[in-house]
């Protein structure tokens, strides 16, 4: 079952960089989701899609995938362009 390795993104509800230094190995879905006829909830019999493993570094996540024979693809973290602005620039 293929997996993807990515760095956790910053939450939209936070301004700092807390918990953005961990790497996640997440399995892809192998079975399509289907709606339950009684309740209307979506679900599937695929339990691997619920698994998310956290690692301190990208190399640790890649080593884990190689050790257990998991075909994994690493998604690069996009660079963040910061716009430095002084408070006085708001009044120009």
N, C-alpha and C. Protein backbone atom coordinates (compact mmCIF):
# COMPACT_ATOMS: atom_id res chain seq x y z
N UNK A 1 0.85 -1.16 0.00
CA UNK A 1 0.00 0.00 0.00
C UNK A 1 0.90 1.23 0.00
N UNK A 2 0.72 2.14 -0.97
CA UNK A 2 1.58 3.32 -1.02
C UNK A 2 1.30 4.30 0.11
N UNK A 3 2.31 5.07 0.43
CA UNK A 3 2.19 6.06 1.50
C UNK A 3 2.82 7.37 1.04
N UNK A 4 2.52 8.42 1.76
CA UNK A 4 3.16 9.70 1.48
C UNK A 4 3.77 10.24 2.76
N UNK A 5 4.88 10.92 2.61
CA UNK A 5 5.60 11.51 3.73
C UNK A 5 5.59 13.02 3.52
N UNK A 6 5.13 13.74 4.51
CA UNK A 6 5.06 15.19 4.41
C UNK A 6 5.28 15.82 5.77
N UNK A 7 5.61 17.10 5.77
CA UNK A 7 5.81 17.84 7.00
C UNK A 7 4.48 18.48 7.38
N UNK A 8 4.14 18.45 8.67
CA UNK A 8 2.85 18.98 9.09
C UNK A 8 2.79 20.48 8.81
N UNK A 9 1.72 20.93 8.17
CA UNK A 9 1.60 22.36 7.87
C UNK A 9 1.13 23.14 9.09
N UNK A 10 1.30 24.43 9.02
CA UNK A 10 0.84 25.31 10.08
C UNK A 10 -0.68 25.38 10.02
N UNK A 11 -1.31 25.33 11.17
CA UNK A 11 -2.76 25.43 11.23
C UNK A 11 -3.19 26.85 10.86
N UNK A 12 -4.36 26.99 10.26
CA UNK A 12 -4.86 28.31 9.91
C UNK A 12 -5.24 29.11 11.14
N UNK A 13 -5.39 28.44 12.27
CA UNK A 13 -5.81 29.11 13.49
C UNK A 13 -4.64 29.52 14.39
N UNK A 14 -3.42 29.35 13.91
CA UNK A 14 -2.28 29.72 14.73
C UNK A 14 -1.37 30.66 13.96
N UNK A 15 -0.70 31.53 14.68
CA UNK A 15 0.21 32.47 14.03
C UNK A 15 1.66 32.02 14.16
N UNK A 16 1.95 31.16 15.11
CA UNK A 16 3.31 30.69 15.33
C UNK A 16 3.62 29.45 14.53
N UNK A 17 4.76 28.86 14.81
CA UNK A 17 5.21 27.68 14.09
C UNK A 17 5.22 26.43 14.96
N UNK A 18 4.36 26.37 15.95
CA UNK A 18 4.34 25.23 16.86
C UNK A 18 3.89 23.97 16.13
N UNK A 19 4.53 22.87 16.43
CA UNK A 19 4.21 21.54 15.90
C UNK A 19 4.33 21.44 14.39
N UNK A 20 5.15 22.28 13.77
CA UNK A 20 5.35 22.19 12.33
C UNK A 20 6.67 21.52 11.98
N UNK A 21 7.39 21.02 12.98
CA UNK A 21 8.67 20.38 12.71
C UNK A 21 8.58 18.87 12.65
N UNK A 22 7.39 18.29 12.77
CA UNK A 22 7.25 16.84 12.70
C UNK A 22 6.91 16.41 11.28
N UNK A 23 7.29 15.20 10.96
CA UNK A 23 7.01 14.61 9.65
C UNK A 23 6.00 13.48 9.83
N UNK A 24 5.11 13.32 8.88
CA UNK A 24 4.01 12.36 8.97
C UNK A 24 4.10 11.37 7.82
N UNK A 25 3.94 10.09 8.13
CA UNK A 25 3.79 9.05 7.12
C UNK A 25 2.32 8.64 7.14
N UNK A 26 1.66 8.83 6.01
CA UNK A 26 0.21 8.58 5.92
C UNK A 26 -0.05 7.65 4.74
N UNK A 27 -0.86 6.64 4.95
CA UNK A 27 -1.16 5.68 3.91
C UNK A 27 -2.27 6.18 3.00
N UNK A 28 -2.19 5.82 1.73
CA UNK A 28 -3.23 6.19 0.77
C UNK A 28 -4.40 5.23 0.90
N UNK A 29 -5.57 5.66 0.46
CA UNK A 29 -6.75 4.80 0.53
C UNK A 29 -6.68 3.74 -0.57
N UNK A 30 -6.97 2.51 -0.20
CA UNK A 30 -6.96 1.42 -1.18
C UNK A 30 -8.37 1.04 -1.61
N UNK A 31 -9.34 1.58 -0.94
CA UNK A 31 -10.74 1.25 -1.23
C UNK A 31 -11.55 2.54 -1.24
N UNK A 32 -12.47 2.63 -2.17
CA UNK A 32 -13.29 3.84 -2.26
C UNK A 32 -14.28 3.91 -1.10
N UNK A 33 -14.59 5.13 -0.69
CA UNK A 33 -15.58 5.32 0.37
C UNK A 33 -16.97 5.18 -0.22
N UNK A 34 -17.88 4.71 0.61
CA UNK A 34 -19.27 4.58 0.16
C UNK A 34 -20.20 5.06 1.26
N UNK A 35 -21.36 5.52 0.86
CA UNK A 35 -22.33 6.05 1.82
C UNK A 35 -23.12 4.92 2.45
N UNK A 36 -23.31 5.02 3.76
CA UNK A 36 -24.13 4.05 4.48
C UNK A 36 -25.59 4.32 4.14
N UNK A 37 -26.37 3.30 3.75
CA UNK A 37 -27.74 3.55 3.34
C UNK A 37 -28.65 4.02 4.48
N UNK A 38 -28.36 3.62 5.71
CA UNK A 38 -29.24 3.99 6.82
C UNK A 38 -28.95 5.39 7.35
N UNK A 39 -27.71 5.67 7.69
CA UNK A 39 -27.36 6.94 8.30
C UNK A 39 -26.82 7.98 7.32
N UNK A 40 -26.31 7.51 6.18
CA UNK A 40 -25.76 8.44 5.21
C UNK A 40 -24.31 8.80 5.45
N UNK A 41 -23.69 8.22 6.47
CA UNK A 41 -22.28 8.48 6.74
C UNK A 41 -21.43 7.79 5.69
N UNK A 42 -20.26 8.37 5.42
CA UNK A 42 -19.34 7.72 4.49
C UNK A 42 -18.34 6.89 5.26
N UNK A 43 -17.95 5.79 4.67
CA UNK A 43 -16.98 4.92 5.32
C UNK A 43 -16.47 3.89 4.34
N UNK A 44 -15.48 3.13 4.79
CA UNK A 44 -14.93 2.05 3.98
C UNK A 44 -14.34 1.00 4.91
N UNK A 45 -13.98 -0.11 4.36
CA UNK A 45 -13.37 -1.18 5.14
C UNK A 45 -11.87 -1.05 5.24
N UNK A 46 -11.31 0.02 4.69
CA UNK A 46 -9.88 0.22 4.69
C UNK A 46 -9.44 0.85 6.01
N UNK A 47 -8.76 0.08 6.84
CA UNK A 47 -8.31 0.61 8.13
C UNK A 47 -6.93 1.24 8.05
N UNK A 48 -6.17 0.95 6.99
CA UNK A 48 -4.83 1.54 6.86
C UNK A 48 -4.90 3.04 6.62
N UNK A 49 -5.99 3.53 6.02
CA UNK A 49 -6.11 4.96 5.74
C UNK A 49 -6.26 5.78 7.03
N UNK A 50 -6.56 5.13 8.14
CA UNK A 50 -6.71 5.82 9.41
C UNK A 50 -5.38 5.99 10.14
N UNK A 51 -4.33 5.34 9.65
CA UNK A 51 -3.04 5.33 10.34
C UNK A 51 -2.20 6.53 9.90
N UNK A 52 -1.73 7.30 10.88
CA UNK A 52 -0.79 8.40 10.66
C UNK A 52 0.34 8.23 11.66
N UNK A 53 1.56 8.08 11.15
CA UNK A 53 2.72 7.91 12.01
C UNK A 53 3.54 9.19 12.01
N UNK A 54 3.91 9.68 13.18
CA UNK A 54 4.70 10.91 13.31
C UNK A 54 6.16 10.56 13.55
N UNK A 55 7.06 11.35 12.91
CA UNK A 55 8.50 11.15 13.04
C UNK A 55 9.16 12.51 13.26
N UNK A 56 10.30 12.53 13.96
CA UNK A 56 10.98 13.81 14.20
C UNK A 56 11.67 14.37 12.96
N UNK A 57 12.12 13.48 12.04
CA UNK A 57 12.82 13.95 10.84
C UNK A 57 12.30 13.23 9.61
N UNK A 58 12.61 13.79 8.46
CA UNK A 58 12.23 13.17 7.19
C UNK A 58 12.99 11.87 6.99
N UNK A 59 14.27 11.86 7.40
CA UNK A 59 15.09 10.65 7.24
C UNK A 59 14.56 9.50 8.08
N UNK A 60 14.04 9.79 9.26
CA UNK A 60 13.48 8.74 10.11
C UNK A 60 12.23 8.15 9.47
N UNK A 61 11.42 8.98 8.85
CA UNK A 61 10.21 8.48 8.19
C UNK A 61 10.57 7.64 6.97
N UNK A 62 11.57 8.09 6.21
CA UNK A 62 12.00 7.31 5.04
C UNK A 62 12.62 5.99 5.45
N UNK A 63 13.39 5.99 6.54
CA UNK A 63 14.01 4.75 7.03
C UNK A 63 12.95 3.76 7.49
N UNK A 64 11.90 4.24 8.14
CA UNK A 64 10.81 3.36 8.57
C UNK A 64 10.12 2.73 7.36
N UNK A 65 9.86 3.54 6.34
CA UNK A 65 9.20 3.03 5.14
C UNK A 65 10.06 1.99 4.43
N UNK A 66 11.36 2.24 4.36
CA UNK A 66 12.26 1.28 3.72
C UNK A 66 12.38 -0.01 4.53
N UNK A 67 12.39 0.11 5.85
CA UNK A 67 12.55 -1.06 6.71
C UNK A 67 11.37 -2.02 6.55
N UNK A 68 10.17 -1.48 6.43
CA UNK A 68 8.98 -2.33 6.32
C UNK A 68 8.48 -2.49 4.89
N UNK A 69 9.25 -2.04 3.91
CA UNK A 69 8.90 -2.25 2.51
C UNK A 69 7.68 -1.47 2.05
N UNK A 70 7.49 -0.29 2.58
CA UNK A 70 6.34 0.55 2.21
C UNK A 70 6.79 1.49 1.10
N UNK A 71 6.15 1.45 -0.06
CA UNK A 71 6.52 2.41 -1.10
C UNK A 71 6.01 3.80 -0.71
N UNK A 72 6.92 4.70 -0.43
CA UNK A 72 6.54 6.03 0.05
C UNK A 72 7.07 7.11 -0.87
N UNK A 73 6.30 8.17 -1.00
CA UNK A 73 6.68 9.33 -1.79
C UNK A 73 6.79 10.52 -0.85
N UNK A 74 7.89 11.25 -0.94
CA UNK A 74 8.11 12.40 -0.07
C UNK A 74 7.61 13.65 -0.78
N UNK A 75 6.74 14.39 -0.09
CA UNK A 75 6.23 15.66 -0.61
C UNK A 75 7.06 16.77 0.02
N UNK A 76 7.66 17.58 -0.84
CA UNK A 76 8.51 18.67 -0.36
C UNK A 76 7.67 19.76 0.28
N UNK A 77 8.22 20.36 1.31
CA UNK A 77 7.54 21.46 1.98
C UNK A 77 7.77 22.74 1.18
N UNK A 78 6.70 23.45 0.80
CA UNK A 78 6.91 24.68 0.03
C UNK A 78 7.58 25.75 0.89
N UNK A 79 8.41 26.54 0.25
CA UNK A 79 9.09 27.61 0.97
C UNK A 79 8.12 28.74 1.24
N UNK A 80 8.29 29.36 2.35
CA UNK A 80 7.41 30.45 2.75
C UNK A 80 8.09 31.79 2.47
N UNK A 81 7.45 32.63 1.68
CA UNK A 81 7.98 33.95 1.39
C UNK A 81 7.43 34.92 2.43
N UNK A 82 8.32 35.49 3.20
CA UNK A 82 7.89 36.41 4.25
C UNK A 82 8.03 37.84 3.75
N UNK A 83 7.02 38.63 4.02
CA UNK A 83 7.05 40.05 3.66
C UNK A 83 7.30 40.83 4.94
N UNK A 84 8.50 41.36 5.08
CA UNK A 84 8.84 42.14 6.26
C UNK A 84 8.33 43.56 6.06
N UNK A 85 7.59 44.01 7.03
CA UNK A 85 6.95 45.32 6.93
C UNK A 85 6.99 45.99 8.29
N UNK A 86 7.25 47.26 8.28
CA UNK A 86 7.26 48.02 9.51
C UNK A 86 5.85 48.50 9.81
N UNK A 87 5.57 48.76 11.07
CA UNK A 87 4.26 49.24 11.47
C UNK A 87 3.96 50.60 10.83
N UNK A 88 4.98 51.42 10.63
CA UNK A 88 4.80 52.75 10.04
C UNK A 88 4.34 52.68 8.59
N UNK A 89 4.61 51.55 7.92
CA UNK A 89 4.18 51.40 6.52
C UNK A 89 2.66 51.35 6.39
N UNK A 90 1.94 51.09 7.44
CA UNK A 90 0.48 51.06 7.38
C UNK A 90 -0.11 52.46 7.18
N UNK A 91 0.67 53.48 7.45
CA UNK A 91 0.16 54.84 7.39
C UNK A 91 0.73 55.64 6.23
N UNK A 92 1.30 55.01 5.24
CA UNK A 92 1.86 55.72 4.07
C UNK A 92 0.89 55.73 2.93
